[in-house]
Amino acid sequence: MVYLQMNSLKPEDTAVYYCAQDRDRF
């Protein structure tokens, strides 16, 4: 699991949020 805790949100934070995994290990 990966999490993103977002506090003090602003209207400019409005967006579609994506998680992603890097190509390479370590």
PDB file of all heavy atoms in Angstrom:
ATOM      1  N   MET A   1       0.831  -1.204   0.000  1.00  0.00           N
ATOM      2  CA  MET A   1       0.000   0.000   0.000  1.00  0.00           C
ATOM      3  C   MET A   1       0.867   1.256   0.000  1.00  0.00           C
ATOM      4  O   MET A   1       1.938   1.287   0.608  1.00  0.00           O
ATOM      5  CB  MET A   1      -0.903   0.044   1.234  1.00  0.00           C
ATOM      6  CG  MET A   1      -1.941  -1.042   1.308  1.00  0.00           C
ATOM      7  SD  MET A   1      -3.249  -0.855   0.070  1.00  0.00           S
ATOM      8  CE  MET A   1      -3.997   0.681   0.572  1.00  0.00           C
ATOM      9  N   VAL A   2       0.355   2.274  -0.678  1.00  0.00           N
ATOM     10  CA  VAL A   2       0.941   3.618  -0.645  1.00  0.00           C
ATOM     11  C   VAL A   2      -0.180   4.584  -0.277  1.00  0.00           C
ATOM     12  O   VAL A   2      -1.311   4.418  -0.740  1.00  0.00           O
ATOM     13  CB  VAL A   2       1.520   4.030  -2.011  1.00  0.00           C
ATOM     14  CG1 VAL A   2       2.231   5.372  -1.905  1.00  0.00           C
ATOM     15  CG2 VAL A   2       2.464   2.975  -2.534  1.00  0.00           C
ATOM     16  N   TYR A   3       0.148   5.585   0.522  1.00  0.00           N
ATOM     17  CA  TYR A   3      -0.850   6.536   0.976  1.00  0.00           C
ATOM     18  C   TYR A   3      -0.384   7.961   0.682  1.00  0.00           C
ATOM     19  O   TYR A   3       0.819   8.234   0.614  1.00  0.00           O
ATOM     20  CB  TYR A   3      -1.083   6.394   2.482  1.00  0.00           C
ATOM     21  CG  TYR A   3      -1.445   4.999   2.913  1.00  0.00           C
ATOM     22  CD1 TYR A   3      -0.477   4.150   3.451  1.00  0.00           C
ATOM     23  CD2 TYR A   3      -2.751   4.524   2.783  1.00  0.00           C
ATOM     24  CE1 TYR A   3      -0.794   2.873   3.855  1.00  0.00           C
ATOM     25  CE2 TYR A   3      -3.073   3.228   3.177  1.00  0.00           C
ATOM     26  CZ  TYR A   3      -2.098   2.416   3.705  1.00  0.00           C
ATOM     27  OH  TYR A   3      -2.418   1.134   4.103  1.00  0.00           O
ATOM     28  N   LEU A   4      -1.355   8.836   0.547  1.00  0.00           N
ATOM     29  CA  LEU A   4      -1.071  10.268   0.456  1.00  0.00           C
ATOM     30  C   LEU A   4      -2.045  10.988   1.375  1.00  0.00           C
ATOM     31  O   LEU A   4      -3.240  11.069   1.077  1.00  0.00           O
ATOM     32  CB  LEU A   4      -1.205  10.777  -0.975  1.00  0.00           C
ATOM     33  CG  LEU A   4      -0.783  12.236  -1.179  1.00  0.00           C
ATOM     34  CD1 LEU A   4       0.727  12.387  -0.990  1.00  0.00           C
ATOM     35  CD2 LEU A   4      -1.182  12.740  -2.570  1.00  0.00           C
ATOM     36  N   GLN A   5      -1.531  11.446   2.490  1.00  0.00           N
ATOM     37  CA  GLN A   5      -2.338  12.238   3.424  1.00  0.00           C
ATOM     38  C   GLN A   5      -2.284  13.688   2.982  1.00  0.00           C
ATOM     39  O   GLN A   5      -1.202  14.274   2.903  1.00  0.00           O
ATOM     40  CB  GLN A   5      -1.800  12.085   4.845  1.00  0.00           C
ATOM     41  CG  GLN A   5      -2.557  12.913   5.878  1.00  0.00           C
ATOM     42  CD  GLN A   5      -3.988  12.456   6.066  1.00  0.00           C
ATOM     43  OE1 GLN A   5      -4.250  11.253   6.146  1.00  0.00           O
ATOM     44  NE2 GLN A   5      -4.919  13.390   6.135  1.00  0.00           N
ATOM     45  N   MET A   6      -3.439  14.257   2.718  1.00  0.00           N
ATOM     46  CA  MET A   6      -3.523  15.624   2.219  1.00  0.00           C
ATOM     47  C   MET A   6      -4.275  16.485   3.221  1.00  0.00           C
ATOM     48  O   MET A   6      -5.463  16.232   3.489  1.00  0.00           O
ATOM     49  CB  MET A   6      -4.229  15.649   0.857  1.00  0.00           C
ATOM     50  CG  MET A   6      -3.609  14.705  -0.164  1.00  0.00           C
ATOM     51  SD  MET A   6      -4.352  14.865  -1.801  1.00  0.00           S
ATOM     52  CE  MET A   6      -6.009  14.301  -1.458  1.00  0.00           C
ATOM     53  N   ASN A   7      -3.601  17.462   3.777  1.00  0.00           N
ATOM     54  CA  ASN A   7      -4.198  18.382   4.750  1.00  0.00           C
ATOM     55  C   ASN A   7      -4.219  19.797   4.190  1.00  0.00           C
ATOM     56  O   ASN A   7      -3.513  20.107   3.227  1.00  0.00           O
ATOM     57  CB  ASN A   7      -3.403  18.341   6.052  1.00  0.00           C
ATOM     58  CG  ASN A   7      -3.402  16.974   6.709  1.00  0.00           C
ATOM     59  OD1 ASN A   7      -4.355  16.187   6.594  1.00  0.00           O
ATOM     60  ND2 ASN A   7      -2.322  16.663   7.423  1.00  0.00           N
ATOM     61  N   SER A   8      -5.005  20.633   4.823  1.00  0.00           N
ATOM     62  CA  SER A   8      -5.098  22.049   4.419  1.00  0.00           C
ATOM     63  C   SER A   8      -5.306  22.175   2.913  1.00  0.00           C
ATOM     64  O   SER A   8      -4.621  22.952   2.235  1.00  0.00           O
ATOM     65  CB  SER A   8      -3.836  22.798   4.841  1.00  0.00           C
ATOM     66  OG  SER A   8      -3.615  22.692   6.227  1.00  0.00           O
ATOM     67  N   LEU A   9      -6.258  21.439   2.416  1.00  0.00           N
ATOM     68  CA  LEU A   9      -6.483  21.403   0.975  1.00  0.00           C
ATOM     69  C   LEU A   9      -6.956  22.739   0.441  1.00  0.00           C
ATOM     70  O   LEU A   9      -7.702  23.482   1.115  1.00  0.00           O
ATOM     71  CB  LEU A   9      -7.462  20.303   0.625  1.00  0.00           C
ATOM     72  CG  LEU A   9      -6.859  18.889   0.642  1.00  0.00           C
ATOM     73  CD1 LEU A   9      -7.937  17.829   0.751  1.00  0.00           C
ATOM     74  CD2 LEU A   9      -6.018  18.664  -0.599  1.00  0.00           C
ATOM     75  N   LYS A  10      -6.521  23.037  -0.782  1.00  0.00           N
ATOM     76  CA  LYS A  10      -6.859  24.280  -1.452  1.00  0.00           C
ATOM     77  C   LYS A  10      -7.584  23.971  -2.763  1.00  0.00           C
ATOM     78  O   LYS A  10      -7.402  22.884  -3.321  1.00  0.00           O
ATOM     79  CB  LYS A  10      -5.585  25.061  -1.761  1.00  0.00           C
ATOM     80  CG  LYS A  10      -4.690  25.323  -0.567  1.00  0.00           C
ATOM     81  CD  LYS A  10      -3.392  25.989  -1.001  1.00  0.00           C
ATOM     82  CE  LYS A  10      -2.471  26.230   0.182  1.00  0.00           C
ATOM     83  NZ  LYS A  10      -1.194  26.875  -0.235  1.00  0.00           N
ATOM     84  N   PRO A  11      -8.349  24.918  -3.270  1.00  0.00           N
ATOM     85  CA  PRO A  11      -9.023  24.675  -4.558  1.00  0.00           C
ATOM     86  C   PRO A  11      -8.049  24.283  -5.668  1.00  0.00           C
ATOM     87  O   PRO A  11      -8.402  23.470  -6.541  1.00  0.00           O
ATOM     88  CB  PRO A  11      -9.704  26.014  -4.845  1.00  0.00           C
ATOM     89  CG  PRO A  11      -9.973  26.581  -3.490  1.00  0.00           C
ATOM     90  CD  PRO A  11      -8.789  26.180  -2.653  1.00  0.00           C
ATOM     91  N   GLU A  12      -6.841  24.807  -5.621  1.00  0.00           N
ATOM     92  CA  GLU A  12      -5.859  24.480  -6.656  1.00  0.00           C
ATOM     93  C   GLU A  12      -5.312  23.060  -6.547  1.00  0.00           C
ATOM     94  O   GLU A  12      -4.553  22.615  -7.412  1.00  0.00           O
ATOM     95  CB  GLU A  12      -4.703  25.488  -6.660  1.00  0.00           C
ATOM     96  CG  GLU A  12      -4.073  25.721  -5.318  1.00  0.00           C
ATOM     97  CD  GLU A  12      -4.636  26.955  -4.603  1.00  0.00           C
ATOM     98  OE1 GLU A  12      -5.876  27.153  -4.636  1.00  0.00           O
ATOM     99  OE2 GLU A  12      -3.820  27.703  -4.024  1.00  0.00           O
ATOM    100  N   ASP A  13      -5.683  22.344  -5.492  1.00  0.00           N
ATOM    101  CA  ASP A  13      -5.314  20.932  -5.385  1.00  0.00           C
ATOM    102  C   ASP A  13      -6.286  20.030  -6.152  1.00  0.00           C
ATOM    103  O   ASP A  13      -6.063  18.817  -6.252  1.00  0.00           O
ATOM    104  CB  ASP A  13      -5.287  20.495  -3.915  1.00  0.00           C
ATOM    105  CG  ASP A  13      -4.207  21.177  -3.110  1.00  0.00           C
ATOM    106  OD1 ASP A  13      -3.081  21.314  -3.627  1.00  0.00           O
ATOM    107  OD2 ASP A  13      -4.485  21.576  -1.955  1.00  0.00           O
ATOM    108  N   THR A  14      -7.351  20.616  -6.670  1.00  0.00           N
ATOM    109  CA  THR A  14      -8.321  19.850  -7.441  1.00  0.00           C
ATOM    110  C   THR A  14      -7.664  19.225  -8.666  1.00  0.00           C
ATOM    111  O   THR A  14      -7.049  19.929  -9.478  1.00  0.00           O
ATOM    112  CB  THR A  14      -9.487  20.749  -7.879  1.00  0.00           C
ATOM    113  OG1 THR A  14     -10.191  21.185  -6.715  1.00  0.00           O
ATOM    114  CG2 THR A  14     -10.447  20.002  -8.797  1.00  0.00           C
ATOM    115  N   ALA A  15      -7.782  17.907  -8.775  1.00  0.00           N
ATOM    116  CA  ALA A  15      -7.131  17.191  -9.873  1.00  0.00           C
ATOM    117  C   ALA A  15      -7.478  15.713  -9.769  1.00  0.00           C
ATOM    118  O   ALA A  15      -8.042  15.257  -8.759  1.00  0.00           O
ATOM    119  CB  ALA A  15      -5.615  17.359  -9.803  1.00  0.00           C
ATOM    120  N   VAL A  16      -7.113  14.982 -10.799  1.00  0.00           N
ATOM    121  CA  VAL A  16      -7.107  13.521 -10.718  1.00  0.00           C
ATOM    122  C   VAL A  16      -5.731  13.109 -10.211  1.00  0.00           C
ATOM    123  O   VAL A  16      -4.710  13.543 -10.760  1.00  0.00           O
ATOM    124  CB  VAL A  16      -7.398  12.861 -12.078  1.00  0.00           C
ATOM    125  CG1 VAL A  16      -7.313  11.344 -11.954  1.00  0.00           C
ATOM    126  CG2 VAL A  16      -8.772  13.292 -12.587  1.00  0.00           C
ATOM    127  N   TYR A  17      -5.712  12.289  -9.172  1.00  0.00           N
ATOM    128  CA  TYR A  17      -4.457  11.876  -8.545  1.00  0.00           C
ATOM    129  C   TYR A  17      -4.137  10.428  -8.943  1.00  0.00           C
ATOM    130  O   TYR A  17      -5.012   9.548  -8.889  1.00  0.00           O
ATOM    131  CB  TYR A  17      -4.571  12.001  -7.034  1.00  0.00           C
ATOM    132  CG  TYR A  17      -4.457  13.423  -6.553  1.00  0.00           C
ATOM    133  CD1 TYR A  17      -5.486  14.342  -6.769  1.00  0.00           C
ATOM    134  CD2 TYR A  17      -3.307  13.873  -5.902  1.00  0.00           C
ATOM    135  CE1 TYR A  17      -5.377  15.662  -6.352  1.00  0.00           C
ATOM    136  CE2 TYR A  17      -3.198  15.189  -5.478  1.00  0.00           C
ATOM    137  CZ  TYR A  17      -4.228  16.068  -5.699  1.00  0.00           C
ATOM    138  OH  TYR A  17      -4.111  17.380  -5.289  1.00  0.00           O
ATOM    139  N   TYR A  18      -2.869  10.228  -9.308  1.00  0.00           N
ATOM    140  CA  TYR A  18      -2.398   8.923  -9.763  1.00  0.00           C
ATOM    141  C   TYR A  18      -1.233   8.441  -8.915  1.00  0.00           C
ATOM    142  O   TYR A  18      -0.352   9.237  -8.580  1.00  0.00           O
ATOM    143  CB  TYR A  18      -1.900   9.010 -11.206  1.00  0.00           C
ATOM    144  CG  TYR A  18      -2.916   9.473 -12.210  1.00  0.00           C
ATOM    145  CD1 TYR A  18      -3.072  10.829 -12.486  1.00  0.00           C
ATOM    146  CD2 TYR A  18      -3.700   8.561 -12.913  1.00  0.00           C
ATOM    147  CE1 TYR A  18      -3.997  11.266 -13.425  1.00  0.00           C
ATOM    148  CE2 TYR A  18      -4.620   8.991 -13.855  1.00  0.00           C
ATOM    149  CZ  TYR A  18      -4.763  10.342 -14.103  1.00  0.00           C
ATOM    150  OH  TYR A  18      -5.677  10.764 -15.040  1.00  0.00           O
ATOM    151  N   CYS A  19      -1.227   7.163  -8.604  1.00  0.00           N
ATOM    152  CA  CYS A  19      -0.019   6.591  -8.018  1.00  0.00           C
ATOM    153  C   CYS A  19       0.738   5.848  -9.121  1.00  0.00           C
ATOM    154  O   CYS A  19       0.148   5.419 -10.117  1.00  0.00           O
ATOM    155  CB  CYS A  19      -0.320   5.670  -6.841  1.00  0.00           C
ATOM    156  SG  CYS A  19      -1.213   4.174  -7.235  1.00  0.00           S
ATOM    157  N   ALA A  20       2.041   5.727  -8.930  1.00  0.00           N
ATOM    158  CA  ALA A  20       2.887   5.129  -9.952  1.00  0.00           C
ATOM    159  C   ALA A  20       4.064   4.405  -9.308  1.00  0.00           C
ATOM    160  O   ALA A  20       4.507   4.769  -8.215  1.00  0.00           O
ATOM    161  CB  ALA A  20       3.400   6.211 -10.903  1.00  0.00           C
ATOM    162  N   GLN A  21       4.548   3.394 -10.032  1.00  0.00           N
ATOM    163  CA  GLN A  21       5.700   2.626  -9.556  1.00  0.00           C
ATOM    164  C   GLN A  21       6.878   2.843 -10.499  1.00  0.00           C
ATOM    165  O   GLN A  21       6.722   2.827 -11.720  1.00  0.00           O
ATOM    166  CB  GLN A  21       5.349   1.133  -9.507  1.00  0.00           C
ATOM    167  CG  GLN A  21       6.493   0.243  -9.017  1.00  0.00           C
ATOM    168  CD  GLN A  21       6.083  -1.195  -8.886  1.00  0.00           C
ATOM    169  OE1 GLN A  21       5.228  -1.554  -8.086  1.00  0.00           O
ATOM    170  NE2 GLN A  21       6.719  -2.059  -9.695  1.00  0.00           N
ATOM    171  N   ASP A  22       8.044   3.035  -9.932  1.00  0.00           N
ATOM    172  CA  ASP A  22       9.262   3.282 -10.713  1.00  0.00           C
ATOM    173  C   ASP A  22       9.596   2.083 -11.591  1.00  0.00           C
ATOM    174  O   ASP A  22       9.241   0.941 -11.292  1.00  0.00           O
ATOM    175  CB  ASP A  22      10.419   3.563  -9.738  1.00  0.00           C
ATOM    176  CG  ASP A  22      11.574   4.278 -10.396  1.00  0.00           C
ATOM    177  OD1 ASP A  22      12.221   3.660 -11.253  1.00  0.00           O
ATOM    178  OD2 ASP A  22      11.824   5.442 -10.041  1.00  0.00           O
ATOM    179  N   ARG A  23      10.348   2.363 -12.671  1.00  0.00           N
ATOM    180  CA  ARG A  23      10.747   1.312 -13.606  1.00  0.00           C
ATOM    181  C   ARG A  23      11.730   0.327 -13.015  1.00  0.00           C
ATOM    182  O   ARG A  23      11.724  -0.858 -13.314  1.00  0.00           O
ATOM    183  CB  ARG A  23      11.403   1.946 -14.838  1.00  0.00           C
ATOM    184  CG  ARG A  23      10.466   2.728 -15.692  1.00  0.00           C
ATOM    185  CD  ARG A  23      11.209   3.329 -16.876  1.00  0.00           C
ATOM    186  NE  ARG A  23      10.313   4.074 -17.725  1.00  0.00           N
ATOM    187  CZ  ARG A  23       9.565   3.533 -18.667  1.00  0.00           C
ATOM    188  NH1 ARG A  23       9.633   2.242 -18.909  1.00  0.00           N
ATOM    189  NH2 ARG A  23       8.768   4.287 -19.390  1.00  0.00           N
ATOM    190  N   ASP A  24      12.638   0.846 -12.166  1.00  0.00           N
ATOM    191  CA  ASP A  24      13.772   0.053 -11.714  1.00  0.00           C
ATOM    192  C   ASP A  24      13.752  -0.151 -10.206  1.00  0.00           C
ATOM    193  O   ASP A  24      13.308   0.710  -9.462  1.00  0.00           O
ATOM    194  CB  ASP A  24      15.077   0.746 -12.111  1.00  0.00           C
ATOM    195  CG  ASP A  24      15.180   0.939 -13.609  1.00  0.00           C
ATOM    196  OD1 ASP A  24      14.977  -0.042 -14.338  1.00  0.00           O
ATOM    197  OD2 ASP A  24      15.460   2.077 -14.042  1.00  0.00           O
ATOM    198  N   ARG A  25      14.291  -1.258  -9.801  1.00  0.00           N
ATOM    199  CA  ARG A  25      14.341  -1.573  -8.374  1.00  0.00           C
ATOM    200  C   ARG A  25      15.496  -0.875  -7.667  1.00  0.00           C
ATOM    201  O   ARG A  25      16.499  -0.535  -8.286  1.00  0.00           O
ATOM    202  CB  ARG A  25      14.505  -3.088  -8.174  1.00  0.00           C
ATOM    203  CG  ARG A  25      13.365  -3.923  -8.698  1.00  0.00           C
ATOM    204  CD  ARG A  25      13.569  -5.381  -8.320  1.00  0.00           C
ATOM    205  NE  ARG A  25      14.751  -5.951  -8.941  1.00  0.00           N
ATOM    206  CZ  ARG A  25      15.290  -7.100  -8.575  1.00  0.00           C
ATOM    207  NH1 ARG A  25      14.780  -7.776  -7.553  1.00  0.00           N
ATOM    208  NH2 ARG A  25      16.331  -7.566  -9.200  1.00  0.00           N
ATOM    209  N   PHE A  26      15.320  -0.696  -6.371  1.00  0.00           N
ATOM    210  CA  PHE A  26      16.385  -0.240  -5.469  1.00  0.00           C
ATOM    211  C   PHE A  26      17.063   1.062  -5.901  1.00  0.00           C
ATOM    212  O   PHE A  26      18.263   1.249  -5.663  1.00  0.00           O
ATOM    213  CB  PHE A  26      17.451  -1.331  -5.315  1.00  0.00           C
ATOM    214  CG  PHE A  26      16.913  -2.650  -4.854  1.00  0.00           C
ATOM    215  CD1 PHE A  26      17.160  -3.812  -5.567  1.00  0.00           C
ATOM    216  CD2 PHE A  26      16.152  -2.743  -3.700  1.00  0.00           C
ATOM    217  CE1 PHE A  26      16.663  -5.041  -5.141  1.00  0.00           C
ATOM    218  CE2 PHE A  26      15.642  -3.957  -3.267  1.00  0.00           C
ATOM    219  CZ  PHE A  26      15.907  -5.107  -3.998  1.00  0.00           C
TER     220      PHE A  26
END
